[in-house]
Amino acid sequence: MALVDFSGCSDPQHISSIDLTQFDLPADLPREQESRTLDARSWDVGSAHINLIVQNLDDLLKRGSEQGWELVNGIFTVPQDSPEVKARRQRICYVRGPDGEVVELVDAIL
């Protein structure tokens, strides 16, 4: 049994890429070590998350909650007068998955 699984992909021009790694627990791991899930906040040193641009954030959050994902600290809307012009009116949130993973979701502005 493999303890680590790898997967990855990149865009056709190889400008962006993502590598996904999953670590599986060894069968003989002591029970008290089974739930050592990192519970870092997004601004903590050493924390990690992935950012995804999505469409229809509300629907995605509803479907995600049915799969065990929970919203962390609500949804933030970037103010219209933000100096980050491209981000104005974007809705941004963090969700935590069933295994403790954190994903930042940004609602696409079309």
PDB file of N, CA and C in Angstrom:
ATOM      1  N   MET A   1       0.838  -1.177   0.000  1.00  0.00           N
ATOM      2  CA  MET A   1       0.000   0.000   0.000  1.00  0.00           C
ATOM      3  C   MET A   1       0.890   1.249   0.000  1.00  0.00           C
ATOM      4  N   ALA A   2       0.608   2.159  -0.910  1.00  0.00           N
ATOM      5  CA  ALA A   2       1.369   3.409  -0.983  1.00  0.00           C
ATOM      6  C   ALA A   2       0.928   4.351   0.127  1.00  0.00           C
ATOM      7  N   LEU A   3       1.885   5.033   0.747  1.00  0.00           N
ATOM      8  CA  LEU A   3       1.558   6.011   1.772  1.00  0.00           C
ATOM      9  C   LEU A   3       1.394   7.407   1.197  1.00  0.00           C
ATOM     10  N   VAL A   4       1.833   7.609  -0.048  1.00  0.00           N
ATOM     11  CA  VAL A   4       1.717   8.905  -0.694  1.00  0.00           C
ATOM     12  C   VAL A   4       1.221   8.693  -2.115  1.00  0.00           C
ATOM     13  N   ASP A   5       0.211   9.483  -2.504  1.00  0.00           N
ATOM     14  CA  ASP A   5      -0.290   9.469  -3.878  1.00  0.00           C
ATOM     15  C   ASP A   5      -0.029  10.840  -4.478  1.00  0.00           C
ATOM     16  N   PHE A   6       0.425  10.872  -5.725  1.00  0.00           N
ATOM     17  CA  PHE A   6       0.704  12.127  -6.411  1.00  0.00           C
ATOM     18  C   PHE A   6      -0.196  12.247  -7.634  1.00  0.00           C
ATOM     19  N   SER A   7      -0.566  13.480  -7.950  1.00  0.00           N
ATOM     20  CA  SER A   7      -1.304  13.776  -9.164  1.00  0.00           C
ATOM     21  C   SER A   7      -0.944  15.204  -9.539  1.00  0.00           C
ATOM     22  N   GLY A   8      -1.067  15.548 -10.791  1.00  0.00           N
ATOM     23  CA  GLY A   8      -0.742  16.909 -11.181  1.00  0.00           C
ATOM     24  C   GLY A   8      -1.233  17.231 -12.571  1.00  0.00           C
ATOM     25  N   CYS A   9      -1.229  18.515 -12.891  1.00  0.00           N
ATOM     26  CA  CYS A   9      -1.620  18.950 -14.229  1.00  0.00           C
ATOM     27  C   CYS A   9      -1.056  20.347 -14.459  1.00  0.00           C
ATOM     28  N   SER A  10      -1.068  20.783 -15.709  1.00  0.00           N
ATOM     29  CA  SER A  10      -0.655  22.142 -16.038  1.00  0.00           C
ATOM     30  C   SER A  10      -1.433  22.592 -17.260  1.00  0.00           C
ATOM     31  N   ASP A  11      -1.415  23.896 -17.507  1.00  0.00           N
ATOM     32  CA  ASP A  11      -2.087  24.421 -18.686  1.00  0.00           C
ATOM     33  C   ASP A  11      -1.226  24.134 -19.918  1.00  0.00           C
ATOM     34  N   PRO A  12      -1.798  24.276 -21.126  1.00  0.00           N
ATOM     35  CA  PRO A  12      -1.055  23.921 -22.346  1.00  0.00           C
ATOM     36  C   PRO A  12       0.283  24.645 -22.512  1.00  0.00           C
ATOM     37  N   GLN A  13       0.387  25.886 -22.036  1.00  0.00           N
ATOM     38  CA  GLN A  13       1.642  26.628 -22.171  1.00  0.00           C
ATOM     39  C   GLN A  13       2.583  26.380 -20.988  1.00  0.00           C
ATOM     40  N   HIS A  14       2.170  25.581 -20.028  1.00  0.00           N
ATOM     41  CA  HIS A  14       2.963  25.274 -18.831  1.00  0.00           C
ATOM     42  C   HIS A  14       3.322  26.527 -18.031  1.00  0.00           C
ATOM     43  N   ILE A  15       2.413  27.505 -18.035  1.00  0.00           N
ATOM     44  CA  ILE A  15       2.605  28.713 -17.235  1.00  0.00           C
ATOM     45  C   ILE A  15       2.193  28.437 -15.789  1.00  0.00           C
ATOM     46  N   SER A  16       1.110  27.701 -15.642  1.00  0.00           N
ATOM     47  CA  SER A  16       0.600  27.362 -14.314  1.00  0.00           C
ATOM     48  C   SER A  16       0.555  25.855 -14.172  1.00  0.00           C
ATOM     49  N   SER A  17       0.779  25.389 -12.975  1.00  0.00           N
ATOM     50  CA  SER A  17       0.653  23.955 -12.729  1.00  0.00           C
ATOM     51  C   SER A  17       0.227  23.740 -11.291  1.00  0.00           C
ATOM     52  N   ILE A  18      -0.279  22.566 -11.038  1.00  0.00           N
ATOM     53  CA  ILE A  18      -0.662  22.206  -9.684  1.00  0.00           C
ATOM     54  C   ILE A  18      -0.272  20.754  -9.453  1.00  0.00           C
ATOM     55  N   ASP A  19       0.291  20.506  -8.311  1.00  0.00           N
ATOM     56  CA  ASP A  19       0.617  19.143  -7.899  1.00  0.00           C
ATOM     57  C   ASP A  19      -0.170  18.849  -6.639  1.00  0.00           C
ATOM     58  N   LEU A  20      -0.859  17.745  -6.625  1.00  0.00           N
ATOM     59  CA  LEU A  20      -1.652  17.339  -5.470  1.00  0.00           C
ATOM     60  C   LEU A  20      -1.000  16.129  -4.826  1.00  0.00           C
ATOM     61  N   THR A  21      -0.873  16.170  -3.533  1.00  0.00           N
ATOM     62  CA  THR A  21      -0.256  15.078  -2.791  1.00  0.00           C
ATOM     63  C   THR A  21      -1.198  14.651  -1.680  1.00  0.00           C
ATOM     64  N   GLN A  22      -1.414  13.369  -1.557  1.00  0.00           N
ATOM     65  CA  GLN A  22      -2.231  12.837  -0.466  1.00  0.00           C
ATOM     66  C   GLN A  22      -1.391  11.862   0.332  1.00  0.00           C
ATOM     67  N   PHE A  23      -1.299  12.114   1.621  1.00  0.00           N
ATOM     68  CA  PHE A  23      -0.573  11.224   2.516  1.00  0.00           C
ATOM     69  C   PHE A  23      -1.578  10.319   3.213  1.00  0.00           C
ATOM     70  N   ASP A  24      -1.391   9.030   3.093  1.00  0.00           N
ATOM     71  CA  ASP A  24      -2.265   8.066   3.753  1.00  0.00           C
ATOM     72  C   ASP A  24      -1.637   7.624   5.066  1.00  0.00           C
ATOM     73  N   LEU A  25      -2.480   7.402   6.046  1.00  0.00           N
ATOM     74  CA  LEU A  25      -1.984   6.949   7.347  1.00  0.00           C
ATOM     75  C   LEU A  25      -1.549   5.495   7.270  1.00  0.00           C
ATOM     76  N   PRO A  26      -0.431   5.153   7.881  1.00  0.00           N
ATOM     77  CA  PRO A  26      -0.020   3.753   7.925  1.00  0.00           C
ATOM     78  C   PRO A  26      -1.024   2.944   8.749  1.00  0.00           C
ATOM     79  N   ALA A  27      -1.208   1.705   8.383  1.00  0.00           N
ATOM     80  CA  ALA A  27      -2.178   0.845   9.063  1.00  0.00           C
ATOM     81  C   ALA A  27      -1.843   0.651  10.537  1.00  0.00           C
ATOM     82  N   ASP A  28      -0.574   0.700  10.899  1.00  0.00           N
ATOM     83  CA  ASP A  28      -0.175   0.446  12.286  1.00  0.00           C
ATOM     84  C   ASP A  28       0.016   1.729  13.112  1.00  0.00           C
ATOM     85  N   LEU A  29      -0.532   2.849  12.648  1.00  0.00           N
ATOM     86  CA  LEU A  29      -0.400   4.115  13.362  1.00  0.00           C
ATOM     87  C   LEU A  29      -1.179   4.055  14.679  1.00  0.00           C
ATOM     88  N   PRO A  30      -0.568   4.462  15.795  1.00  0.00           N
ATOM     89  CA  PRO A  30      -1.292   4.471  17.069  1.00  0.00           C
ATOM     90  C   PRO A  30      -2.530   5.366  16.990  1.00  0.00           C
ATOM     91  N   ARG A  31      -3.598   4.945  17.621  1.00  0.00           N
ATOM     92  CA  ARG A  31      -4.886   5.648  17.542  1.00  0.00           C
ATOM     93  C   ARG A  31      -4.782   7.126  17.937  1.00  0.00           C
ATOM     94  N   GLU A  32      -3.969   7.447  18.950  1.00  0.00           N
ATOM     95  CA  GLU A  32      -3.874   8.838  19.410  1.00  0.00           C
ATOM     96  C   GLU A  32      -3.229   9.758  18.374  1.00  0.00           C
ATOM     97  N   GLN A  33      -2.594   9.204  17.350  1.00  0.00           N
ATOM     98  CA  GLN A  33      -1.978  10.025  16.308  1.00  0.00           C
ATOM     99  C   GLN A  33      -2.836  10.124  15.048  1.00  0.00           C
ATOM    100  N   GLU A  34      -3.979   9.470  15.020  1.00  0.00           N
ATOM    101  CA  GLU A  34      -4.801   9.447  13.808  1.00  0.00           C
ATOM    102  C   GLU A  34      -5.387  10.803  13.446  1.00  0.00           C
ATOM    103  N   SER A  35      -5.705  11.632  14.407  1.00  0.00           N
ATOM    104  CA  SER A  35      -6.394  12.882  14.094  1.00  0.00           C
ATOM    105  C   SER A  35      -5.520  14.101  14.354  1.00  0.00           C
ATOM    106  N   ARG A  36      -4.294  14.055  13.898  1.00  0.00           N
ATOM    107  CA  ARG A  36      -3.391  15.199  14.040  1.00  0.00           C
ATOM    108  C   ARG A  36      -3.533  16.114  12.832  1.00  0.00           C
ATOM    109  N   THR A  37      -4.707  16.696  12.662  1.00  0.00           N
ATOM    110  CA  THR A  37      -4.989  17.560  11.529  1.00  0.00           C
ATOM    111  C   THR A  37      -4.572  18.992  11.846  1.00  0.00           C
ATOM    112  N   LEU A  38      -3.854  19.618  10.939  1.00  0.00           N
ATOM    113  CA  LEU A  38      -3.461  21.011  11.086  1.00  0.00           C
ATOM    114  C   LEU A  38      -4.707  21.882  11.120  1.00  0.00           C
ATOM    115  N   ASP A  39      -4.784  22.776  12.084  1.00  0.00           N
ATOM    116  CA  ASP A  39      -5.943  23.658  12.209  1.00  0.00           C
ATOM    117  C   ASP A  39      -5.491  25.111  12.131  1.00  0.00           C
ATOM    118  N   ALA A  40      -4.643  25.409  11.171  1.00  0.00           N
ATOM    119  CA  ALA A  40      -4.091  26.758  11.035  1.00  0.00           C
ATOM    120  C   ALA A  40      -5.095  27.689  10.369  1.00  0.00           C
ATOM    121  N   ARG A  41      -5.031  28.949  10.790  1.00  0.00           N
ATOM    122  CA  ARG A  41      -5.817  29.981  10.120  1.00  0.00           C
ATOM    123  C   ARG A  41      -5.046  30.425   8.880  1.00  0.00           C
ATOM    124  N   SER A  42      -5.722  31.044   7.930  1.00  0.00           N
ATOM    125  CA  SER A  42      -5.075  31.391   6.663  1.00  0.00           C
ATOM    126  C   SER A  42      -3.905  32.346   6.837  1.00  0.00           C
ATOM    127  N   TRP A  43      -3.882  33.120   7.888  1.00  0.00           N
ATOM    128  CA  TRP A  43      -2.800  34.083   8.097  1.00  0.00           C
ATOM    129  C   TRP A  43      -1.702  33.564   9.019  1.00  0.00           C
ATOM    130  N   ASP A  44      -1.826  32.351   9.520  1.00  0.00           N
ATOM    131  CA  ASP A  44      -0.795  31.784  10.388  1.00  0.00           C
ATOM    132  C   ASP A  44       0.441  31.396   9.581  1.00  0.00           C
ATOM    133  N   VAL A  45       1.612  31.584  10.182  1.00  0.00           N
ATOM    134  CA  VAL A  45       2.856  31.168   9.547  1.00  0.00           C
ATOM    135  C   VAL A  45       2.794  29.662   9.303  1.00  0.00           C
ATOM    136  N   GLY A  46       3.131  29.257   8.099  1.00  0.00           N
ATOM    137  CA  GLY A  46       3.147  27.838   7.768  1.00  0.00           C
ATOM    138  C   GLY A  46       1.827  27.288   7.280  1.00  0.00           C
ATOM    139  N   SER A  47       0.784  28.113   7.273  1.00  0.00           N
ATOM    140  CA  SER A  47      -0.492  27.602   6.779  1.00  0.00           C
ATOM    141  C   SER A  47      -0.444  27.510   5.257  1.00  0.00           C
ATOM    142  N   ALA A  48      -1.291  26.707   4.713  1.00  0.00           N
ATOM    143  CA  ALA A  48      -1.335  26.535   3.260  1.00  0.00           C
ATOM    144  C   ALA A  48      -2.777  26.357   2.828  1.00  0.00           C
ATOM    145  N   HIS A  49      -3.088  26.875   1.670  1.00  0.00           N
ATOM    146  CA  HIS A  49      -4.406  26.662   1.090  1.00  0.00           C
ATOM    147  C   HIS A  49      -4.297  26.838  -0.415  1.00  0.00           C
ATOM    148  N   ILE A  50      -5.348  26.480  -1.088  1.00  0.00           N
ATOM    149  CA  ILE A  50      -5.416  26.655  -2.533  1.00  0.00           C
ATOM    150  C   ILE A  50      -6.523  27.662  -2.814  1.00  0.00           C
ATOM    151  N   ASN A  51      -6.370  28.441  -3.862  1.00  0.00           N
ATOM    152  CA  ASN A  51      -7.353  29.439  -4.250  1.00  0.00           C
ATOM    153  C   ASN A  51      -7.977  29.002  -5.567  1.00  0.00           C
ATOM    154  N   LEU A  52      -9.302  29.015  -5.621  1.00  0.00           N
ATOM    155  CA  LEU A  52     -10.007  28.657  -6.847  1.00  0.00           C
ATOM    156  C   LEU A  52     -10.967  29.772  -7.225  1.00  0.00           C
ATOM    157  N   ILE A  53     -10.985  30.137  -8.503  1.00  0.00           N
ATOM    158  CA  ILE A  53     -11.975  31.076  -9.014  1.00  0.00           C
ATOM    159  C   ILE A  53     -13.155  30.240  -9.476  1.00  0.00           C
ATOM    160  N   VAL A  54     -14.340  30.559  -8.956  1.00  0.00           N
ATOM    161  CA  VAL A  54     -15.523  29.737  -9.211  1.00  0.00           C
ATOM    162  C   VAL A  54     -16.655  30.594  -9.757  1.00  0.00           C
ATOM    163  N   GLN A  55     -17.655  29.938 -10.281  1.00  0.00           N
ATOM    164  CA  GLN A  55     -18.887  30.604 -10.688  1.00  0.00           C
ATOM    165  C   GLN A  55     -20.004  30.098  -9.789  1.00  0.00           C
ATOM    166  N   ASN A  56     -20.905  30.988  -9.406  1.00  0.00           N
ATOM    167  CA  ASN A  56     -22.049  30.669  -8.561  1.00  0.00           C
ATOM    168  C   ASN A  56     -21.596  30.161  -7.192  1.00  0.00           C
ATOM    169  N   LEU A  57     -20.956  31.033  -6.457  1.00  0.00           N
ATOM    170  CA  LEU A  57     -20.403  30.707  -5.146  1.00  0.00           C
ATOM    171  C   LEU A  57     -21.461  30.156  -4.198  1.00  0.00           C
ATOM    172  N   ASP A  58     -22.637  30.775  -4.179  1.00  0.00           N
ATOM    173  CA  ASP A  58     -23.679  30.335  -3.244  1.00  0.00           C
ATOM    174  C   ASP A  58     -24.090  28.889  -3.491  1.00  0.00           C
ATOM    175  N   ASP A  59     -24.253  28.517  -4.750  1.00  0.00           N
ATOM    176  CA  ASP A  59     -24.622  27.137  -5.075  1.00  0.00           C
ATOM    177  C   ASP A  59     -23.503  26.174  -4.688  1.00  0.00           C
ATOM    178  N   LEU A  60     -22.269  26.573  -4.950  1.00  0.00           N
ATOM    179  CA  LEU A  60     -21.124  25.724  -4.604  1.00  0.00           C
ATOM    180  C   LEU A  60     -21.032  25.512  -3.093  1.00  0.00           C
ATOM    181  N   LEU A  61     -21.268  26.570  -2.320  1.00  0.00           N
ATOM    182  CA  LEU A  61     -21.238  26.441  -0.862  1.00  0.00           C
ATOM    183  C   LEU A  61     -22.338  25.515  -0.365  1.00  0.00           C
ATOM    184  N   LYS A  62     -23.504  25.602  -0.976  1.00  0.00           N
ATOM    185  CA  LYS A  62     -24.614  24.723  -0.580  1.00  0.00           C
ATOM    186  C   LYS A  62     -24.259  23.265  -0.856  1.00  0.00           C
ATOM    187  N   ARG A  63     -23.764  22.998  -2.055  1.00  0.00           N
ATOM    188  CA  ARG A  63     -23.395  21.619  -2.409  1.00  0.00           C
ATOM    189  C   ARG A  63     -22.223  21.133  -1.560  1.00  0.00           C
ATOM    190  N   GLY A  64     -21.281  22.020  -1.274  1.00  0.00           N
ATOM    191  CA  GLY A  64     -20.140  21.643  -0.446  1.00  0.00           C
ATOM    192  C   GLY A  64     -20.542  21.283   0.971  1.00  0.00           C
ATOM    193  N   SER A  65     -21.495  22.031   1.534  1.00  0.00           N
ATOM    194  CA  SER A  65     -21.926  21.739   2.907  1.00  0.00           C
ATOM    195  C   SER A  65     -22.559  20.357   3.001  1.00  0.00           C
ATOM    196  N   GLU A  66     -23.167  19.910   1.928  1.00  0.00           N
ATOM    197  CA  GLU A  66     -23.755  18.567   1.896  1.00  0.00           C
ATOM    198  C   GLU A  66     -22.676  17.486   1.884  1.00  0.00           C
ATOM    199  N   GLN A  67     -21.441  17.868   1.538  1.00  0.00           N
ATOM    200  CA  GLN A  67     -20.322  16.926   1.481  1.00  0.00           C
ATOM    201  C   GLN A  67     -19.361  17.092   2.663  1.00  0.00           C
ATOM    202  N   GLY A  68     -19.743  17.907   3.644  1.00  0.00           N
ATOM    203  CA  GLY A  68     -18.911  18.057   4.835  1.00  0.00           C
ATOM    204  C   GLY A  68     -17.986  19.259   4.845  1.00  0.00           C
ATOM    205  N   TRP A  69     -18.114  20.157   3.865  1.00  0.00           N
ATOM    206  CA  TRP A  69     -17.297  21.368   3.834  1.00  0.00           C
ATOM    207  C   TRP A  69     -18.022  22.442   4.632  1.00  0.00           C
ATOM    208  N   GLU A  70     -17.257  23.243   5.404  1.00  0.00           N
ATOM    209  CA  GLU A  70     -17.894  24.295   6.190  1.00  0.00           C
ATOM    210  C   GLU A  70     -17.269  25.653   5.891  1.00  0.00           C
ATOM    211  N   LEU A  71     -18.121  26.666   5.867  1.00  0.00           N
ATOM    212  CA  LEU A  71     -17.692  28.037   5.640  1.00  0.00           C
ATOM    213  C   LEU A  71     -16.929  28.527   6.867  1.00  0.00           C
ATOM    214  N   VAL A  72     -15.796  29.195   6.643  1.00  0.00           N
ATOM    215  CA  VAL A  72     -14.972  29.718   7.733  1.00  0.00           C
ATOM    216  C   VAL A  72     -15.087  31.243   7.730  1.00  0.00           C
ATOM    217  N   ASN A  73     -15.663  31.817   8.768  1.00  0.00           N
ATOM    218  CA  ASN A  73     -15.742  33.277   8.951  1.00  0.00           C
ATOM    219  C   ASN A  73     -16.540  34.025   7.891  1.00  0.00           C
ATOM    220  N   GLY A  74     -17.470  33.395   7.224  1.00  0.00           N
ATOM    221  CA  GLY A  74     -18.374  34.094   6.324  1.00  0.00           C
ATOM    222  C   GLY A  74     -17.781  34.466   4.975  1.00  0.00           C
ATOM    223  N   ILE A  75     -18.559  35.240   4.225  1.00  0.00           N
ATOM    224  CA  ILE A  75     -18.182  35.672   2.873  1.00  0.00           C
ATOM    225  C   ILE A  75     -17.826  37.155   2.925  1.00  0.00           C
ATOM    226  N   PHE A  76     -16.703  37.514   2.326  1.00  0.00           N
ATOM    227  CA  PHE A  76     -16.253  38.903   2.267  1.00  0.00           C
ATOM    228  C   PHE A  76     -16.466  39.423   0.853  1.00  0.00           C
ATOM    229  N   THR A  77     -17.065  40.596   0.735  1.00  0.00           N
ATOM    230  CA  THR A  77     -17.213  41.250  -0.566  1.00  0.00           C
ATOM    231  C   THR A  77     -16.221  42.404  -0.632  1.00  0.00           C
ATOM    232  N   VAL A  78     -15.372  42.400  -1.655  1.00  0.00           N
ATOM    233  CA  VAL A  78     -14.381  43.468  -1.821  1.00  0.00           C
ATOM    234  C   VAL A  78     -15.139  44.760  -2.138  1.00  0.00           C
ATOM    235  N   PRO A  79     -14.869  45.841  -1.405  1.00  0.00           N
ATOM    236  CA  PRO A  79     -15.594  47.095  -1.621  1.00  0.00           C
ATOM    237  C   PRO A  79     -15.396  47.662  -3.032  1.00  0.00           C
ATOM    238  N   GLN A  80     -16.406  48.380  -3.490  1.00  0.00           N
ATOM    239  CA  GLN A  80     -16.379  49.000  -4.815  1.00  0.00           C
ATOM    240  C   GLN A  80     -15.236  50.002  -4.940  1.00  0.00           C
ATOM    241  N   ASP A  81     -14.824  50.616  -3.837  1.00  0.00           N
ATOM    242  CA  ASP A  81     -13.754  51.621  -3.896  1.00  0.00           C
ATOM    243  C   ASP A  81     -12.375  51.037  -3.571  1.00  0.00           C
ATOM    244  N   SER A  82     -12.234  49.730  -3.626  1.00  0.00           N
ATOM    245  CA  SER A  82     -10.950  49.089  -3.343  1.00  0.00           C
ATOM    246  C   SER A  82      -9.890  49.537  -4.348  1.00  0.00           C
ATOM    247  N   PRO A  83      -8.645  49.764  -3.889  1.00  0.00           N
ATOM    248  CA  PRO A  83      -7.576  50.104  -4.828  1.00  0.00           C
ATOM    249  C   PRO A  83      -7.252  48.950  -5.778  1.00  0.00           C
ATOM    250  N   GLU A  84      -7.629  47.738  -5.403  1.00  0.00           N
ATOM    251  CA  GLU A  84      -7.449  46.572  -6.287  1.00  0.00           C
ATOM    252  C   GLU A  84      -8.626  46.538  -7.258  1.00  0.00           C
ATOM    253  N   VAL A  85      -8.524  47.291  -8.343  1.00  0.00           N
ATOM    254  CA  VAL A  85      -9.635  47.482  -9.269  1.00  0.00           C
ATOM    255  C   VAL A  85     -10.208  46.157  -9.763  1.00  0.00           C
ATOM    256  N   LYS A  86      -9.357  45.204 -10.117  1.00  0.00           N
ATOM    257  CA  LYS A  86      -9.838  43.925 -10.658  1.00  0.00           C
ATOM    258  C   LYS A  86     -10.602  43.109  -9.623  1.00  0.00           C
ATOM    259  N   ALA A  87     -10.380  43.392  -8.351  1.00  0.00           N
ATOM    260  CA  ALA A  87     -11.034  42.612  -7.295  1.00  0.00           C
ATOM    261  C   ALA A  87     -12.349  43.228  -6.826  1.00  0.00           C
ATOM    262  N   ARG A  88     -12.661  44.433  -7.257  1.00  0.00           N
ATOM    263  CA  ARG A  88     -13.868  45.113  -6.788  1.00  0.00           C
ATOM    264  C   ARG A  88     -15.106  44.242  -6.991  1.00  0.00           C
ATOM    265  N   ARG A  89     -15.913  44.183  -5.931  1.00  0.00           N
ATOM    266  CA  ARG A  89     -17.187  43.445  -5.895  1.00  0.00           C
ATOM    267  C   ARG A  89     -17.007  41.930  -5.867  1.00  0.00           C
ATOM    268  N   GLN A  90     -15.778  41.439  -5.879  1.00  0.00           N
ATOM    269  CA  GLN A  90     -15.594  39.986  -5.779  1.00  0.00           C
ATOM    270  C   GLN A  90     -16.029  39.512  -4.404  1.00  0.00           C
ATOM    271  N   ARG A  91     -16.622  38.330  -4.371  1.00  0.00           N
ATOM    272  CA  ARG A  91     -17.010  37.691  -3.115  1.00  0.00           C
ATOM    273  C   ARG A  91     -15.992  36.590  -2.841  1.00  0.00           C
ATOM    274  N   ILE A  92     -15.420  36.622  -1.647  1.00  0.00           N
ATOM    275  CA  ILE A  92     -14.326  35.714  -1.297  1.00  0.00           C
ATOM    276  C   ILE A  92     -14.650  35.027   0.024  1.00  0.00           C
ATOM    277  N   CYS A  93     -14.339  33.744   0.102  1.00  0.00           N
ATOM    278  CA  CYS A  93     -14.517  33.032   1.370  1.00  0.00           C
ATOM    279  C   CYS A  93     -13.514  31.890   1.461  1.00  0.00           C
ATOM    280  N   TYR A  94     -13.393  31.373   2.658  1.00  0.00           N
ATOM    281  CA  TYR A  94     -12.587  30.178   2.908  1.00  0.00           C
ATOM    282  C   TYR A  94     -13.528  29.072   3.363  1.00  0.00           C
ATOM    283  N   VAL A  95     -13.265  27.869   2.907  1.00  0.00           N
ATOM    284  CA  VAL A  95     -14.008  26.703   3.377  1.00  0.00           C
ATOM    285  C   VAL A  95     -13.009  25.670   3.884  1.00  0.00           C
ATOM    286  N   ARG A  96     -13.457  24.923   4.878  1.00  0.00           N
ATOM    287  CA  ARG A  96     -12.622  23.856   5.437  1.00  0.00           C
ATOM    288  C   ARG A  96     -13.288  22.530   5.098  1.00  0.00           C
ATOM    289  N   GLY A  97     -12.489  21.626   4.533  1.00  0.00           N
ATOM    290  CA  GLY A  97     -12.997  20.327   4.120  1.00  0.00           C
ATOM    291  C   GLY A  97     -13.055  19.333   5.254  1.00  0.00           C
ATOM    292  N   PRO A  98     -13.632  18.173   4.984  1.00  0.00           N
ATOM    293  CA  PRO A  98     -13.792  17.146   6.007  1.00  0.00           C
ATOM    294  C   PRO A  98     -12.474  16.661   6.606  1.00  0.00           C
ATOM    295  N   ASP A  99     -11.375  16.808   5.881  1.00  0.00           N
ATOM    296  CA  ASP A  99     -10.069  16.374   6.385  1.00  0.00           C
ATOM    297  C   ASP A  99      -9.239  17.540   6.915  1.00  0.00           C
ATOM    298  N   GLY A 100      -9.853  18.726   7.051  1.00  0.00           N
ATOM    299  CA  GLY A 100      -9.155  19.889   7.580  1.00  0.00           C
ATOM    300  C   GLY A 100      -8.486  20.753   6.529  1.00  0.00           C
ATOM    301  N   GLU A 101      -8.571  20.371   5.260  1.00  0.00           N
ATOM    302  CA  GLU A 101      -7.949  21.166   4.205  1.00  0.00           C
ATOM    303  C   GLU A 101      -8.701  22.486   4.050  1.00  0.00           C
ATOM    304  N   VAL A 102      -7.988  23.535   3.628  1.00  0.00           N
ATOM    305  CA  VAL A 102      -8.580  24.858   3.475  1.00  0.00           C
ATOM    306  C   VAL A 102      -8.500  25.271   2.011  1.00  0.00           C
ATOM    307  N   VAL A 103      -9.624  25.771   1.500  1.00  0.00           N
ATOM    308  CA  VAL A 103      -9.699  26.237   0.117  1.00  0.00           C
ATOM    309  C   VAL A 103     -10.299  27.641   0.131  1.00  0.00           C
ATOM    310  N   GLU A 104      -9.650  28.559  -0.582  1.00  0.00           N
ATOM    311  CA  GLU A 104     -10.188  29.906  -0.757  1.00  0.00           C
ATOM    312  C   GLU A 104     -10.990  29.908  -2.051  1.00  0.00           C
ATOM    313  N   LEU A 105     -12.225  30.395  -1.986  1.00  0.00           N
ATOM    314  CA  LEU A 105     -13.080  30.470  -3.164  1.00  0.00           C
ATOM    315  C   LEU A 105     -13.325  31.933  -3.502  1.00  0.00           C
ATOM    316  N   VAL A 106     -13.142  32.282  -4.766  1.00  0.00           N
ATOM    317  CA  VAL A 106     -13.382  33.639  -5.248  1.00  0.00           C
ATOM    318  C   VAL A 106     -14.444  33.551  -6.324  1.00  0.00           C
ATOM    319  N   ASP A 107     -15.575  34.234  -6.099  1.00  0.00           N
ATOM    320  CA  ASP A 107     -16.670  34.219  -7.063  1.00  0.00           C
ATOM    321  C   ASP A 107     -16.262  35.031  -8.285  1.00  0.00           C
ATOM    322  N   ALA A 108     -16.289  34.414  -9.450  1.00  0.00           N
ATOM    323  CA  ALA A 108     -15.879  35.078 -10.690  1.00  0.00           C
ATOM    324  C   ALA A 108     -16.844  36.210 -11.017  1.00  0.00           C
ATOM    325  N   ILE A 109     -16.297  37.322 -11.441  1.00  0.00           N
ATOM    326  CA  ILE A 109     -17.111  38.442 -11.913  1.00  0.00           C
ATOM    327  C   ILE A 109     -17.046  38.410 -13.426  1.00  0.00           C
ATOM    328  N   LEU A 110     -18.174  38.120 -14.016  1.00  0.00           N
ATOM    329  CA  LEU A 110     -18.193  38.002 -15.485  1.00  0.00           C
ATOM    330  C   LEU A 110     -18.582  39.298 -16.138  1.00  0.00           C
TER     331      LEU A 110
END
